[in-house]
Protein backbone atom coordinates (compact mmCIF):
# COMPACT_ATOMS: atom_id res chain seq x y z
CA MET A 1 0.00 0.00 0.00
CA SER A 2 1.32 3.44 -0.94
CA ILE A 3 1.58 5.77 2.05
CA PRO A 4 0.86 9.44 1.18
CA ALA A 5 3.24 12.26 1.98
CA TYR A 6 2.38 13.92 5.26
CA THR A 7 3.35 16.77 7.57
CA ALA A 8 4.37 16.08 11.17
CA TYR A 9 4.26 18.76 13.83
CA VAL A 10 5.19 19.12 17.49
CA PRO A 11 3.82 21.93 19.69
CA VAL A 12 6.34 22.79 22.40
CA PHE A 13 6.60 25.05 25.42
CA ASN A 14 9.77 24.68 27.50
CA GLN A 15 10.27 20.97 26.82
CA ALA A 16 13.82 20.95 25.49
CA ALA A 17 14.66 17.93 27.68
CA THR A 18 12.43 15.56 25.69
CA LEU A 19 11.91 17.38 22.38
CA GLY A 20 14.99 15.87 20.73
CA GLN A 21 13.73 12.34 21.34
CA THR A 22 10.29 13.26 20.00
CA ILE A 23 11.71 14.63 16.77
CA ALA A 24 14.10 11.70 16.37
CA SER A 25 11.14 9.29 16.62
CA LEU A 26 9.35 11.21 13.86
CA TRP A 27 12.33 11.08 11.50
CA ALA A 28 12.69 7.37 12.33
CA GLN A 29 9.18 6.49 11.09
CA SER A 30 9.06 3.67 8.55
CA THR A 31 7.64 6.36 6.25
CA PRO A 32 9.29 9.62 7.43
CA PRO A 33 7.38 12.90 7.20
CA ALA A 34 7.83 15.06 4.11
CA GLU A 35 7.69 18.10 6.38
CA LEU A 36 8.39 18.41 10.12
CA LEU A 37 7.25 21.54 11.96
CA VAL A 38 7.87 22.54 15.56
CA ILE A 39 5.53 25.23 16.88
CA ASP A 40 7.50 26.93 19.65
CA ASP A 41 4.84 28.51 21.83
CA GLY A 42 6.97 31.17 23.50
CA SER A 43 9.54 28.85 25.12
CA THR A 44 12.20 30.42 27.32
CA ASP A 45 14.47 27.36 27.27
CA ALA A 46 16.48 25.86 24.38
CA SER A 47 13.49 24.18 22.69
CA ALA A 48 13.83 26.14 19.43
CA GLN A 49 17.54 25.36 19.09
CA VAL A 50 17.00 21.68 19.90
CA ALA A 51 14.37 21.56 17.15
CA ARG A 52 16.63 23.26 14.60
CA ASP A 53 19.55 20.98 15.46
CA ALA A 54 17.25 17.97 14.92
CA GLY A 55 16.30 19.14 11.43
CA ALA A 56 12.82 20.54 12.08
CA THR A 57 11.38 23.77 10.71
CA VAL A 58 10.68 26.02 13.69
CA LEU A 59 7.67 28.36 13.75
CA LEU A 60 7.92 30.83 16.62
CA GLN A 61 4.83 32.12 18.40
CA PRO A 62 5.15 35.72 19.66
CA SER A 63 4.39 34.57 23.23
CA ASN A 64 2.89 31.63 25.10
CA LEU A 65 -0.53 31.63 23.39
CA GLY A 66 -1.62 28.12 24.40
CA ARG A 67 -2.39 24.81 22.76
CA GLY A 68 -5.26 26.00 20.59
CA ALA A 69 -3.18 28.69 18.92
CA ALA A 70 -0.20 26.35 18.40
CA ARG A 71 -2.31 23.63 16.78
CA ALA A 72 -4.28 26.09 14.67
CA ARG A 73 -1.04 27.49 13.27
CA ALA A 74 0.35 24.02 12.55
CA LEU A 75 -2.75 23.08 10.52
CA ALA A 76 -2.73 26.42 8.69
CA GLU A 77 0.97 26.09 7.78
CA ALA A 78 1.06 22.37 6.89
CA ARG A 79 1.66 21.66 3.20
CA HIS A 80 0.09 18.19 3.12
CA GLU A 81 -3.42 16.80 3.45
CA PHE A 82 -2.49 14.36 6.21
CA VAL A 83 -0.90 15.67 9.38
CA LEU A 84 0.67 13.76 12.28
CA CYS A 85 0.72 15.46 15.67
CA CYS A 86 2.96 14.33 18.52
CA ASP A 87 3.36 16.09 21.85
CA ALA A 88 6.88 17.11 22.82
CA THR A 89 6.84 14.72 25.79
CA ASN A 90 6.19 11.58 23.71
CA ARG A 91 8.04 9.41 21.23
CA LEU A 92 6.38 7.25 18.60
CA ALA A 93 6.85 3.62 17.62
CA PRO A 94 8.47 3.42 14.15
CA ASP A 95 5.26 2.16 12.48
CA PHE A 96 2.95 4.77 14.05
CA ALA A 97 2.49 6.96 10.96
CA GLU A 98 2.24 4.04 8.55
CA ARG A 99 -0.48 2.36 10.60
CA GLY A 100 -2.42 5.59 11.00
CA LEU A 101 -2.24 6.74 7.39
CA ALA A 102 -3.33 3.32 6.09
CA HIS A 103 -6.81 3.82 7.60
CA PHE A 104 -7.63 6.85 5.48
CA ALA A 105 -7.38 5.04 2.14
CA SER A 106 -10.68 3.22 2.67
CA ALA A 107 -12.46 5.68 5.00
CA PRO A 108 -13.39 8.93 3.23
CA HIS A 109 -15.30 10.23 6.27
CA LEU A 110 -12.43 9.60 8.69
CA ALA A 111 -11.07 12.82 10.24
CA ALA A 112 -8.53 11.50 12.79
CA VAL A 113 -6.94 8.35 14.18
CA LEU A 114 -5.66 8.45 17.76
CA GLY A 115 -2.88 6.22 19.08
CA ARG A 116 -2.42 4.59 22.49
CA LEU A 117 -0.31 6.35 25.12
CA THR A 118 2.04 4.18 27.20
CA GLN A 119 5.10 4.77 29.37
CA PRO A 120 8.40 3.01 30.14
CA PRO A 121 8.47 0.72 33.20
CA PRO A 122 7.58 3.04 36.13
CA ARG A 123 10.38 4.08 38.47
CA THR A 124 8.52 6.35 40.89
CA LEU A 125 5.20 6.61 42.71
CA ALA A 126 4.13 9.37 40.31
CA HIS A 127 4.85 7.19 37.30
CA ARG A 128 3.10 4.15 38.80
CA TRP A 129 -0.03 6.17 39.49
CA ARG A 130 0.15 7.86 36.05
CA GLY A 131 0.38 4.55 34.22
CA ARG A 132 -2.50 3.04 36.19
CA HIS A 133 -4.99 5.93 36.19
CA LEU A 134 -4.08 8.22 33.29
CA PHE A 135 -2.78 6.00 30.48
CA LEU A 136 -5.79 3.71 30.33
CA GLY A 137 -5.49 2.36 26.78
CA ARG A 138 -4.80 -1.35 26.36
CA PRO A 139 -4.15 -3.40 23.22
CA GLY A 140 -7.49 -4.17 21.62
CA PRO A 141 -9.64 -3.89 18.51
CA LEU A 142 -9.97 -0.74 16.44
CA GLU A 143 -12.38 1.73 18.06
CA ARG A 144 -14.52 3.56 15.50
CA ARG A 145 -16.03 5.97 18.05
CA ALA A 146 -13.27 7.73 19.94
CA PRO A 147 -12.50 11.16 21.40
CA HIS A 148 -10.24 13.54 19.54
CA ALA A 149 -7.08 13.71 21.64
CA THR A 150 -3.84 15.02 20.17
CA TRP A 151 -1.00 13.47 22.19
CA ALA A 152 -0.24 11.29 19.13
CA THR A 153 -2.71 11.47 16.26
CA VAL A 154 -2.99 11.48 12.47
CA VAL A 155 -5.58 13.91 11.08
CA ARG A 156 -7.11 14.89 7.76
CA ARG A 157 -6.25 18.57 7.36
CA ALA A 158 -9.32 19.40 5.24
CA ALA A 159 -11.61 18.05 7.95
CA LEU A 160 -10.10 20.31 10.64
CA LEU A 161 -10.04 23.37 8.41
CA GLY A 162 -13.60 22.64 7.31
CA ILE A 163 -14.93 22.99 10.86
CA GLY A 164 -12.91 26.14 11.50
CA ASN A 165 -9.62 24.61 12.70
CA TYR A 166 -8.67 24.43 16.37
CA TYR A 167 -9.82 27.54 18.20
CA PRO A 168 -6.79 29.75 18.99
CA GLU A 169 -8.71 31.17 21.96
CA LEU A 170 -8.58 27.82 23.79
CA PRO A 171 -5.46 27.37 25.95
CA ALA A 172 -6.62 23.81 26.74
CA HIS A 173 -9.31 21.31 25.63
CA GLU A 174 -8.81 22.51 22.07
CA ASP A 175 -8.76 18.91 20.84
CA ASP A 176 -11.94 17.85 22.64
CA ASP A 177 -13.71 20.96 21.35
CA ALA A 178 -12.60 20.25 17.77
CA GLY A 179 -13.65 16.61 18.15
CA GLN A 180 -17.17 17.63 19.09
CA ARG A 181 -17.39 19.90 16.05
CA LEU A 182 -16.00 17.20 13.78
CA ALA A 183 -18.57 14.68 14.99
CA ALA A 184 -21.38 17.21 14.58
CA ALA A 185 -20.29 17.74 10.97
CA GLY A 186 -20.44 14.00 10.26
CA TRP A 187 -16.74 13.10 10.49
CA GLU A 188 -15.53 9.88 12.12
CA LEU A 189 -12.92 9.70 14.90
CA TRP A 190 -11.08 6.41 15.50
CA CYS A 191 -8.58 5.01 17.99
CA ASP A 192 -6.10 2.33 16.90
CA GLN A 193 -4.49 0.74 19.97
CA THR A 194 -1.70 -0.73 17.81
CA MET A 195 -0.41 2.80 17.14
CA VAL A 196 1.84 3.25 20.18
CA ALA A 197 3.22 6.45 21.67
CA GLU A 198 5.40 6.42 24.78
CA CYS A 199 5.38 9.23 27.34
CA ILE A 200 9.01 10.03 28.16
CA VAL A 201 8.69 13.02 30.48
CA ASP A 202 9.61 12.63 34.17
CA ASN A 203 6.49 14.00 35.86
CA THR A 204 6.34 14.85 39.54
CA LEU A 205 3.28 13.76 41.49
CA SER A 206 1.99 17.33 41.42
CA GLN A 207 2.31 17.42 37.63
CA VAL A 208 0.51 14.08 37.28
CA LEU A 209 -2.42 15.29 39.37
CA ALA A 210 -2.56 18.54 37.38
CA ARG A 211 -2.65 16.52 34.16
CA TYR A 212 -5.49 14.40 35.54
CA ALA A 213 -7.41 17.57 36.44
CA ARG A 214 -6.93 18.93 32.93
CA TRP A 215 -7.77 15.70 31.07
CA TYR A 216 -10.91 14.81 33.03
CA GLU A 217 -12.30 18.27 33.70
CA PRO A 218 -16.10 18.25 33.12
CA ARG A 219 -16.76 19.77 29.73
CA GLY A 220 -18.71 23.00 29.58
CA ARG A 221 -18.36 24.10 33.21
CA GLY A 222 -15.05 22.95 34.72
CA TRP A 223 -14.54 21.41 38.17
CA SER A 224 -16.87 22.42 40.99
CA TRP A 225 -17.93 21.22 44.44
CA ARG A 226 -20.78 19.32 42.70
CA ASN A 227 -18.22 16.84 41.35
CA TYR A 228 -16.81 16.01 44.77
CA PRO A 229 -19.23 13.17 45.75
CA GLN A 230 -18.74 11.35 42.43
CA ASN A 231 -14.98 11.86 42.54
CA LEU A 232 -14.91 10.42 46.05
CA ARG A 233 -16.97 7.39 44.98
CA THR A 234 -14.66 6.79 42.02
CA ALA A 235 -11.59 7.00 44.24
CA LEU A 236 -13.05 4.56 46.78
CA SER A 237 -14.66 2.03 44.44
CA VAL A 238 -12.41 2.10 41.35
CA MET A 239 -9.03 3.74 41.79
CA ALA A 240 -7.98 2.65 45.28
CA PRO A 241 -8.96 -1.00 44.61
CA LYS A 242 -6.76 -0.96 41.49
CA ASP A 243 -3.85 0.26 43.62
CA LEU A 244 -4.54 -2.36 46.27
CA ALA A 245 -4.63 -5.11 43.65
CA GLU A 246 -1.08 -4.11 42.72
CA GLY A 247 0.00 -3.97 46.38
CA ASP A 248 0.75 -0.26 45.93
CA TRP A 249 -0.25 1.28 49.28
CA LEU A 250 1.34 4.64 48.60
CA ALA A 251 -0.71 4.95 45.41
CA VAL A 252 -3.86 4.23 47.47
CA PHE A 253 -3.23 7.41 49.45
CA VAL A 254 -2.76 9.38 46.21
CA SER A 255 -6.06 8.07 44.84
CA LEU A 256 -7.89 8.95 48.06
CA TYR A 257 -6.34 12.42 48.03
CA LEU A 258 -7.42 13.06 44.44
CA PRO A 259 -11.06 14.14 45.13
CA HIS A 260 -9.83 16.74 47.63
CA TYR A 261 -7.21 17.95 45.15
CA LEU A 262 -9.85 18.37 42.42
CA LEU A 263 -12.11 20.29 44.81
CA TRP A 264 -9.19 22.58 45.66
CA GLN A 265 -8.47 23.01 41.94
CA ALA A 266 -12.04 24.00 41.06
CA PRO A 267 -11.47 27.80 41.14
CA ARG A 268 -8.25 27.35 39.14
CA HIS A 269 -9.87 25.57 36.19
CA PRO A 270 -12.15 28.06 34.44
CA TRP A 271 -13.83 26.68 31.35
CA HIS A 272 -13.29 28.53 28.05
CA SER A 273 -15.89 28.02 25.32
CA PRO A 274 -15.56 30.49 22.44
CA GLN A 275 -18.29 30.92 19.89
CA PRO A 276 -17.65 29.44 16.43
CA SER A 277 -16.07 31.91 14.03
CA GLY A 278 -17.78 30.26 11.05
CA ALA A 279 -20.22 27.51 10.18
CA PRO A 280 -18.67 24.02 9.98
CA VAL A 281 -18.58 22.22 6.67
CA SER A 282 -20.89 19.21 6.92
CA LEU A 283 -20.43 15.97 5.02
CA SER A 284 -24.16 15.51 4.50
């Protein structure tokens, strides 16, 4: 099967420590990208120089504008119809792009294919908890109804541009928002668990909890005290038992602390929901 030329891009903000490995994994794809962009979102570290040294084309944002603006620029600048996104804290298996691009040949209504996020063998409490409660994907059949997450994803550029691109106004949840608009316009979103991305960043426990808060924030309103009872039930009936089954008592305490952390975070997680700048292009 002939694999089409594609653009790869990496949004980055102060992630020079892992960016080189991310870019190397993109160049090492069984079918390398025809174009590799790094959107430097106002980094103050050496991210831009790392990207240039690794052979990427660097597009500098004037300041830290957020994920929505970085992704919107990447899609606007890409020269190819198919675009692979990889976060600057991940590296891809060598067959990631080939597996993802192969799906589009027989699926004209397919907008995006998401890969599975894994991690190396955990070395710390933070990594054990992250692997157990954040990176939930397991090898399995192709999912033809999936969210639009962008940690490691292949997308059809025309589909994203047709619904107005990612909203630059969104500093977070830009992918979930775009996924909802894609689905409303009739596009399909898949997840292929054989497309593997590995998280290579060394998160602290505080960073892992902040990531959980961002990923699972209730859409449309953000965290509030109303979520506390359900969060507590989930911690007691789902998360802590998983930790206990692994004999990980320290992780049990983290899981039981999580509902209180999310309640404390509620005022710090305002929800942003901009109005569409234009009508989406429907497939119907």
